[in-house]
Amino acid sequence: QVQLVESGGGLVQPGGSLRLSCAASGTIFSINAMGWYRQAPGKQRELVAAITTSGSTNYGSTNYADSVKDRFTIFRDNAKMTVVYLQMNSLKPEDTAVYYCAASRKVTIIPYDPNYWGQGTQVTVSS
């Protein structure tokens, strides 16, 4: 099994920045991609971003939701193979949601189909 632990959520003003982190443990050799989803109140859970964490041909490939392109960046810790970050800039009130880390055994991220989920971390964008 794989365990995912998120951190870094909180309250930020519109236009501000936050960085989320996700650390995986357990049978991490099975993980080939990691990503972030979010769920706002009354809405469906949606993919925010994903990144491949293994493989020679598509290593480091990314997939972003249109709503966060050019504002959010997903990246991996080069020293720790199963720690990923989501840098969120120019935050908007509509980015308010619970953000979930998700890991996948699959090597493709389009579409992204995770097998493991974290507990989630709250991000609130408000003045």
Foldseek 3Di string as FASTA:
>chain_A
DKAKDKDWADEAAAQAKTKMKIAIDDPCVLFFKKAKWWDDPPDDIGGAKMATLDDDPRHGPMDGDPVQPPFWDKDADPVHSGMIMIIGGRDDQVVWTWMKMFTCSDNDVVPHDGDDIYPTDTHGYHD
